[in-house]
N, C-alpha and C. Protein backbone atom coordinates (compact mmCIF):
# COMPACT_ATOMS: atom_id res chain seq x y z
N MET A 1 62.22 -71.99 114.60
CA MET A 1 61.14 -71.07 114.37
C MET A 1 61.54 -69.67 114.81
N LYS A 2 62.33 -69.60 115.87
CA LYS A 2 62.77 -68.32 116.36
C LYS A 2 63.66 -67.62 115.32
N ARG A 3 64.49 -68.38 114.63
CA ARG A 3 65.36 -67.81 113.61
C ARG A 3 64.54 -67.26 112.45
N PHE A 4 63.49 -67.93 112.09
CA PHE A 4 62.64 -67.48 111.00
C PHE A 4 62.06 -66.10 111.31
N GLY A 5 61.61 -65.89 112.52
CA GLY A 5 61.06 -64.60 112.94
C GLY A 5 62.11 -63.50 112.88
N ILE A 6 63.34 -63.82 113.22
CA ILE A 6 64.43 -62.85 113.18
C ILE A 6 64.73 -62.47 111.73
N TYR A 7 64.72 -63.49 110.85
CA TYR A 7 64.98 -63.22 109.43
C TYR A 7 63.87 -62.35 108.83
N VAL A 8 62.63 -62.61 109.20
CA VAL A 8 61.52 -61.81 108.69
C VAL A 8 61.65 -60.38 109.19
N LEU A 9 61.92 -60.23 110.48
CA LEU A 9 62.08 -58.90 111.05
C LEU A 9 63.24 -58.16 110.39
N PHE A 10 64.35 -58.86 110.14
CA PHE A 10 65.51 -58.26 109.48
C PHE A 10 65.16 -57.85 108.05
N GLY A 11 64.42 -58.68 107.33
CA GLY A 11 64.00 -58.36 105.95
C GLY A 11 63.10 -57.15 105.90
N VAL A 12 62.15 -57.06 106.85
CA VAL A 12 61.26 -55.91 106.90
C VAL A 12 62.05 -54.65 107.23
N ALA A 13 63.01 -54.77 108.12
CA ALA A 13 63.83 -53.62 108.49
C ALA A 13 64.63 -53.11 107.30
N LEU A 14 65.08 -54.00 106.43
CA LEU A 14 65.81 -53.58 105.23
C LEU A 14 64.88 -53.01 104.16
N ALA A 15 63.68 -53.55 104.05
CA ALA A 15 62.75 -53.12 103.01
C ALA A 15 62.11 -51.77 103.34
N PHE A 16 61.90 -51.47 104.60
CA PHE A 16 61.19 -50.25 104.98
C PHE A 16 61.89 -48.98 104.48
N PRO A 17 63.20 -48.81 104.66
CA PRO A 17 63.85 -47.59 104.14
C PRO A 17 63.75 -47.49 102.61
N ALA A 18 63.78 -48.62 101.93
CA ALA A 18 63.67 -48.59 100.47
C ALA A 18 62.28 -48.11 100.05
N LEU A 19 61.25 -48.53 100.75
CA LEU A 19 59.89 -48.08 100.44
C LEU A 19 59.74 -46.59 100.73
N ALA A 20 60.34 -46.14 101.81
CA ALA A 20 60.25 -44.73 102.17
C ALA A 20 60.94 -43.86 101.12
N GLN A 21 62.06 -44.32 100.59
CA GLN A 21 62.77 -43.57 99.56
C GLN A 21 61.96 -43.49 98.28
N SER A 22 61.36 -44.58 97.86
CA SER A 22 60.60 -44.56 96.62
C SER A 22 59.37 -43.68 96.75
N GLY A 23 58.85 -43.52 97.94
CA GLY A 23 57.69 -42.65 98.16
C GLY A 23 58.05 -41.19 97.95
N ARG A 24 59.26 -40.79 98.29
CA ARG A 24 59.69 -39.41 98.08
C ARG A 24 59.89 -39.11 96.61
N ASP A 25 60.34 -40.05 95.86
CA ASP A 25 60.59 -39.83 94.43
C ASP A 25 59.30 -39.75 93.63
N SER A 26 58.22 -40.29 94.14
CA SER A 26 56.99 -40.33 93.36
C SER A 26 56.41 -38.94 93.17
N GLY A 27 56.75 -37.97 93.99
CA GLY A 27 56.23 -36.62 93.86
C GLY A 27 56.93 -35.82 92.78
N GLN A 28 58.09 -36.28 92.34
CA GLN A 28 58.84 -35.56 91.32
C GLN A 28 58.38 -36.00 89.94
N THR A 29 58.44 -35.08 88.99
CA THR A 29 58.09 -35.45 87.62
C THR A 29 59.28 -36.12 86.98
N ALA A 30 59.02 -37.16 86.26
CA ALA A 30 60.09 -37.91 85.59
C ALA A 30 60.40 -37.26 84.25
N GLU A 31 61.66 -37.17 83.92
CA GLU A 31 62.09 -36.65 82.63
C GLU A 31 61.86 -37.74 81.58
N PRO A 32 61.37 -37.38 80.41
CA PRO A 32 61.21 -38.39 79.37
C PRO A 32 62.59 -38.87 78.92
N GLU A 33 62.69 -40.17 78.71
CA GLU A 33 63.98 -40.73 78.35
C GLU A 33 64.36 -40.44 76.91
N SER A 34 63.38 -40.42 76.03
CA SER A 34 63.67 -40.11 74.64
C SER A 34 62.61 -39.17 74.10
N LYS A 35 63.02 -38.34 73.19
CA LYS A 35 62.07 -37.40 72.59
C LYS A 35 61.21 -38.15 71.59
N HIS A 36 59.96 -37.74 71.52
CA HIS A 36 59.08 -38.33 70.54
C HIS A 36 59.36 -37.69 69.18
N SER A 37 59.30 -38.49 68.15
CA SER A 37 59.48 -37.93 66.82
C SER A 37 58.18 -37.27 66.39
N PRO A 38 58.27 -36.27 65.54
CA PRO A 38 57.05 -35.58 65.11
C PRO A 38 56.14 -36.53 64.34
N GLY A 39 54.86 -36.22 64.36
CA GLY A 39 53.89 -37.04 63.67
C GLY A 39 54.00 -36.88 62.15
N PRO A 40 53.25 -37.71 61.42
CA PRO A 40 53.34 -37.67 59.96
C PRO A 40 52.93 -36.31 59.37
N ALA A 41 51.87 -35.72 59.89
CA ALA A 41 51.41 -34.43 59.34
C ALA A 41 52.45 -33.35 59.56
N ARG A 42 53.05 -33.32 60.74
CA ARG A 42 54.07 -32.32 61.03
C ARG A 42 55.30 -32.55 60.16
N GLU A 43 55.64 -33.81 59.94
CA GLU A 43 56.80 -34.14 59.11
C GLU A 43 56.57 -33.68 57.67
N ILE A 44 55.37 -33.93 57.13
CA ILE A 44 55.05 -33.52 55.77
C ILE A 44 55.01 -32.00 55.67
N GLY A 45 54.39 -31.34 56.65
CA GLY A 45 54.34 -29.89 56.65
C GLY A 45 55.71 -29.26 56.76
N GLY A 46 56.57 -29.86 57.59
CA GLY A 46 57.94 -29.36 57.72
C GLY A 46 58.71 -29.51 56.42
N GLY A 47 58.45 -30.62 55.72
CA GLY A 47 59.11 -30.83 54.43
C GLY A 47 58.68 -29.81 53.41
N ALA A 48 57.39 -29.50 53.38
CA ALA A 48 56.89 -28.48 52.45
C ALA A 48 57.49 -27.13 52.79
N GLY A 49 57.61 -26.84 54.08
CA GLY A 49 58.23 -25.58 54.50
C GLY A 49 59.69 -25.51 54.09
N THR A 50 60.41 -26.62 54.20
CA THR A 50 61.82 -26.65 53.82
C THR A 50 61.98 -26.42 52.32
N VAL A 51 61.08 -27.00 51.52
CA VAL A 51 61.13 -26.76 50.07
C VAL A 51 60.90 -25.28 49.80
N GLY A 52 59.93 -24.68 50.48
CA GLY A 52 59.65 -23.26 50.30
C GLY A 52 60.80 -22.37 50.69
N VAL A 53 61.45 -22.70 51.81
CA VAL A 53 62.59 -21.90 52.27
C VAL A 53 63.74 -21.99 51.27
N GLY A 54 63.97 -23.19 50.75
CA GLY A 54 65.04 -23.36 49.75
C GLY A 54 64.75 -22.56 48.49
N ALA A 55 63.50 -22.58 48.06
CA ALA A 55 63.13 -21.81 46.86
C ALA A 55 63.27 -20.31 47.11
N ALA A 56 62.87 -19.87 48.29
CA ALA A 56 62.98 -18.44 48.61
C ALA A 56 64.44 -17.99 48.67
N LYS A 57 65.29 -18.80 49.32
CA LYS A 57 66.71 -18.45 49.37
C LYS A 57 67.31 -18.42 47.97
N GLY A 58 66.94 -19.42 47.16
CA GLY A 58 67.45 -19.47 45.79
C GLY A 58 67.03 -18.26 44.99
N ALA A 59 65.76 -17.89 45.10
CA ALA A 59 65.28 -16.72 44.37
C ALA A 59 66.01 -15.46 44.84
N GLY A 60 66.27 -15.38 46.13
CA GLY A 60 67.00 -14.22 46.66
C GLY A 60 68.41 -14.12 46.10
N HIS A 61 69.10 -15.27 46.05
CA HIS A 61 70.47 -15.25 45.51
C HIS A 61 70.47 -14.94 44.02
N ILE A 62 69.49 -15.49 43.29
CA ILE A 62 69.43 -15.20 41.86
C ILE A 62 69.16 -13.72 41.63
N GLY A 63 68.21 -13.16 42.40
CA GLY A 63 67.91 -11.74 42.27
C GLY A 63 69.08 -10.86 42.64
N GLU A 64 69.77 -11.25 43.69
CA GLU A 64 70.94 -10.48 44.14
C GLU A 64 72.03 -10.49 43.07
N GLY A 65 72.27 -11.68 42.51
CA GLY A 65 73.29 -11.78 41.45
C GLY A 65 72.91 -10.99 40.22
N ALA A 66 71.62 -11.04 39.86
CA ALA A 66 71.19 -10.29 38.67
C ALA A 66 71.31 -8.79 38.90
N ALA A 67 70.94 -8.33 40.08
CA ALA A 67 71.03 -6.90 40.37
C ALA A 67 72.48 -6.43 40.40
N LYS A 68 73.32 -7.24 41.03
CA LYS A 68 74.74 -6.88 41.09
C LYS A 68 75.34 -6.88 39.68
N GLY A 69 74.96 -7.88 38.89
CA GLY A 69 75.47 -7.95 37.51
C GLY A 69 75.00 -6.79 36.66
N ALA A 70 73.72 -6.42 36.83
CA ALA A 70 73.21 -5.28 36.07
C ALA A 70 73.94 -4.00 36.45
N GLY A 71 74.18 -3.84 37.74
CA GLY A 71 74.93 -2.65 38.19
C GLY A 71 76.34 -2.62 37.63
N ASP A 72 76.97 -3.79 37.57
CA ASP A 72 78.34 -3.84 37.03
C ASP A 72 78.36 -3.57 35.53
N ILE A 73 77.35 -4.06 34.83
CA ILE A 73 77.30 -3.83 33.38
C ILE A 73 77.06 -2.35 33.09
N VAL A 74 76.20 -1.71 33.86
CA VAL A 74 75.91 -0.29 33.66
C VAL A 74 77.16 0.55 33.92
N THR A 75 77.98 0.12 34.88
CA THR A 75 79.21 0.87 35.19
C THR A 75 80.38 0.42 34.32
N LEU A 76 80.04 -0.25 33.23
CA LEU A 76 81.02 -0.67 32.22
C LEU A 76 82.04 -1.69 32.75
N HIS A 77 81.55 -2.64 33.52
CA HIS A 77 82.36 -3.77 33.98
C HIS A 77 81.66 -5.06 33.53
N PRO A 78 81.68 -5.37 32.23
CA PRO A 78 80.89 -6.50 31.74
C PRO A 78 81.36 -7.86 32.26
N ILE A 79 82.64 -8.05 32.43
CA ILE A 79 83.13 -9.35 32.91
C ILE A 79 82.71 -9.56 34.36
N LYS A 80 82.90 -8.51 35.16
CA LYS A 80 82.49 -8.59 36.57
C LYS A 80 80.97 -8.77 36.67
N GLY A 81 80.22 -8.12 35.80
CA GLY A 81 78.76 -8.25 35.79
C GLY A 81 78.32 -9.67 35.45
N THR A 82 78.95 -10.23 34.43
CA THR A 82 78.62 -11.60 34.04
C THR A 82 78.97 -12.57 35.15
N THR A 83 80.10 -12.36 35.80
CA THR A 83 80.51 -13.22 36.92
C THR A 83 79.49 -13.15 38.05
N SER A 84 79.00 -11.95 38.34
CA SER A 84 78.01 -11.79 39.42
C SER A 84 76.72 -12.52 39.09
N VAL A 85 76.27 -12.41 37.84
CA VAL A 85 75.03 -13.09 37.44
C VAL A 85 75.20 -14.60 37.54
N VAL A 86 76.31 -15.12 37.04
CA VAL A 86 76.55 -16.56 37.07
C VAL A 86 76.67 -17.05 38.51
N LYS A 87 77.39 -16.31 39.34
CA LYS A 87 77.55 -16.69 40.74
C LYS A 87 76.20 -16.70 41.46
N GLY A 88 75.39 -15.67 41.25
CA GLY A 88 74.07 -15.62 41.88
C GLY A 88 73.18 -16.75 41.42
N THR A 89 73.23 -17.06 40.14
CA THR A 89 72.43 -18.16 39.61
C THR A 89 72.90 -19.50 40.17
N ALA A 90 74.20 -19.69 40.28
CA ALA A 90 74.72 -20.95 40.82
C ALA A 90 74.33 -21.11 42.29
N GLU A 91 74.48 -20.06 43.09
CA GLU A 91 74.10 -20.13 44.51
C GLU A 91 72.60 -20.35 44.65
N GLY A 92 71.82 -19.69 43.81
CA GLY A 92 70.38 -19.86 43.85
C GLY A 92 69.98 -21.28 43.48
N GLY A 93 70.59 -21.81 42.44
CA GLY A 93 70.30 -23.20 42.04
C GLY A 93 70.67 -24.19 43.13
N LYS A 94 71.80 -23.94 43.80
CA LYS A 94 72.20 -24.82 44.90
C LYS A 94 71.18 -24.77 46.03
N ASP A 95 70.74 -23.57 46.39
CA ASP A 95 69.77 -23.42 47.48
C ASP A 95 68.45 -24.12 47.14
N VAL A 96 68.00 -23.95 45.92
CA VAL A 96 66.75 -24.59 45.50
C VAL A 96 66.90 -26.11 45.54
N THR A 97 68.03 -26.61 45.05
CA THR A 97 68.26 -28.05 45.01
C THR A 97 68.34 -28.64 46.42
N VAL A 98 69.10 -28.00 47.28
CA VAL A 98 69.24 -28.49 48.65
C VAL A 98 67.90 -28.45 49.38
N GLY A 99 67.18 -27.34 49.24
CA GLY A 99 65.87 -27.22 49.89
C GLY A 99 64.90 -28.26 49.39
N ALA A 100 64.90 -28.49 48.09
CA ALA A 100 63.99 -29.48 47.51
C ALA A 100 64.35 -30.89 47.98
N ALA A 101 65.63 -31.20 48.04
CA ALA A 101 66.05 -32.53 48.46
C ALA A 101 65.71 -32.78 49.93
N LYS A 102 66.04 -31.83 50.79
CA LYS A 102 65.73 -31.99 52.21
C LYS A 102 64.22 -32.05 52.44
N GLY A 103 63.49 -31.17 51.78
CA GLY A 103 62.04 -31.15 51.94
C GLY A 103 61.39 -32.42 51.44
N THR A 104 61.85 -32.92 50.31
CA THR A 104 61.30 -34.17 49.77
C THR A 104 61.60 -35.32 50.71
N GLY A 105 62.77 -35.33 51.30
CA GLY A 105 63.10 -36.38 52.27
C GLY A 105 62.16 -36.36 53.46
N LYS A 106 61.87 -35.17 53.97
CA LYS A 106 60.95 -35.06 55.10
C LYS A 106 59.54 -35.49 54.71
N ILE A 107 59.11 -35.11 53.51
CA ILE A 107 57.77 -35.48 53.05
C ILE A 107 57.67 -37.00 52.91
N VAL A 108 58.68 -37.61 52.32
CA VAL A 108 58.67 -39.07 52.15
C VAL A 108 58.66 -39.76 53.51
N LYS A 109 59.41 -39.23 54.45
CA LYS A 109 59.43 -39.81 55.80
C LYS A 109 58.05 -39.70 56.45
N GLY A 110 57.37 -38.57 56.27
CA GLY A 110 56.02 -38.39 56.81
C GLY A 110 55.03 -39.34 56.16
N ILE A 111 55.14 -39.52 54.86
CA ILE A 111 54.24 -40.45 54.16
C ILE A 111 54.50 -41.87 54.64
N GLY A 112 55.76 -42.21 54.84
CA GLY A 112 56.09 -43.54 55.36
C GLY A 112 55.49 -43.77 56.73
N LYS A 113 55.52 -42.74 57.59
CA LYS A 113 54.92 -42.87 58.92
C LYS A 113 53.41 -43.07 58.81
N THR A 114 52.79 -42.38 57.84
CA THR A 114 51.34 -42.53 57.65
C THR A 114 51.00 -43.96 57.26
N PHE A 115 51.74 -44.51 56.30
CA PHE A 115 51.48 -45.89 55.89
C PHE A 115 51.77 -46.87 57.02
N LYS A 116 52.77 -46.57 57.81
CA LYS A 116 53.10 -47.45 58.94
C LYS A 116 51.96 -47.49 59.93
N LYS A 117 51.31 -46.34 60.17
CA LYS A 117 50.16 -46.31 61.08
C LYS A 117 48.97 -47.06 60.52
N ILE A 118 48.76 -46.94 59.19
CA ILE A 118 47.62 -47.60 58.57
C ILE A 118 47.80 -49.11 58.58
N LEU A 119 48.99 -49.54 58.22
CA LEU A 119 49.25 -50.99 58.14
C LEU A 119 49.68 -51.45 59.48
């Protein structure tokens, strides 16, 4: 019986510092382990914004190419002017396509999250 009391006392002596340490940590704020993904509405809105940004960039490149081409044609450089128009149109088309694809992906992901919540 005497040994049992020694073992209990020894166990309490080992547990006490561990309890004291955990008490100090409780005052600190814990960092989140993983970031939360945006909600469905934010995902859909972000997708619509991405489509808009792609369209705006595309329109800018098309306008830039057309203006540069017009300037080249006026200064009697028709080949350089045509190249500028084609290049601006190609860059603009790429921007619109990339923006639309990324935006549509985000919108579909948001819609999927909405259905996941419903079901």
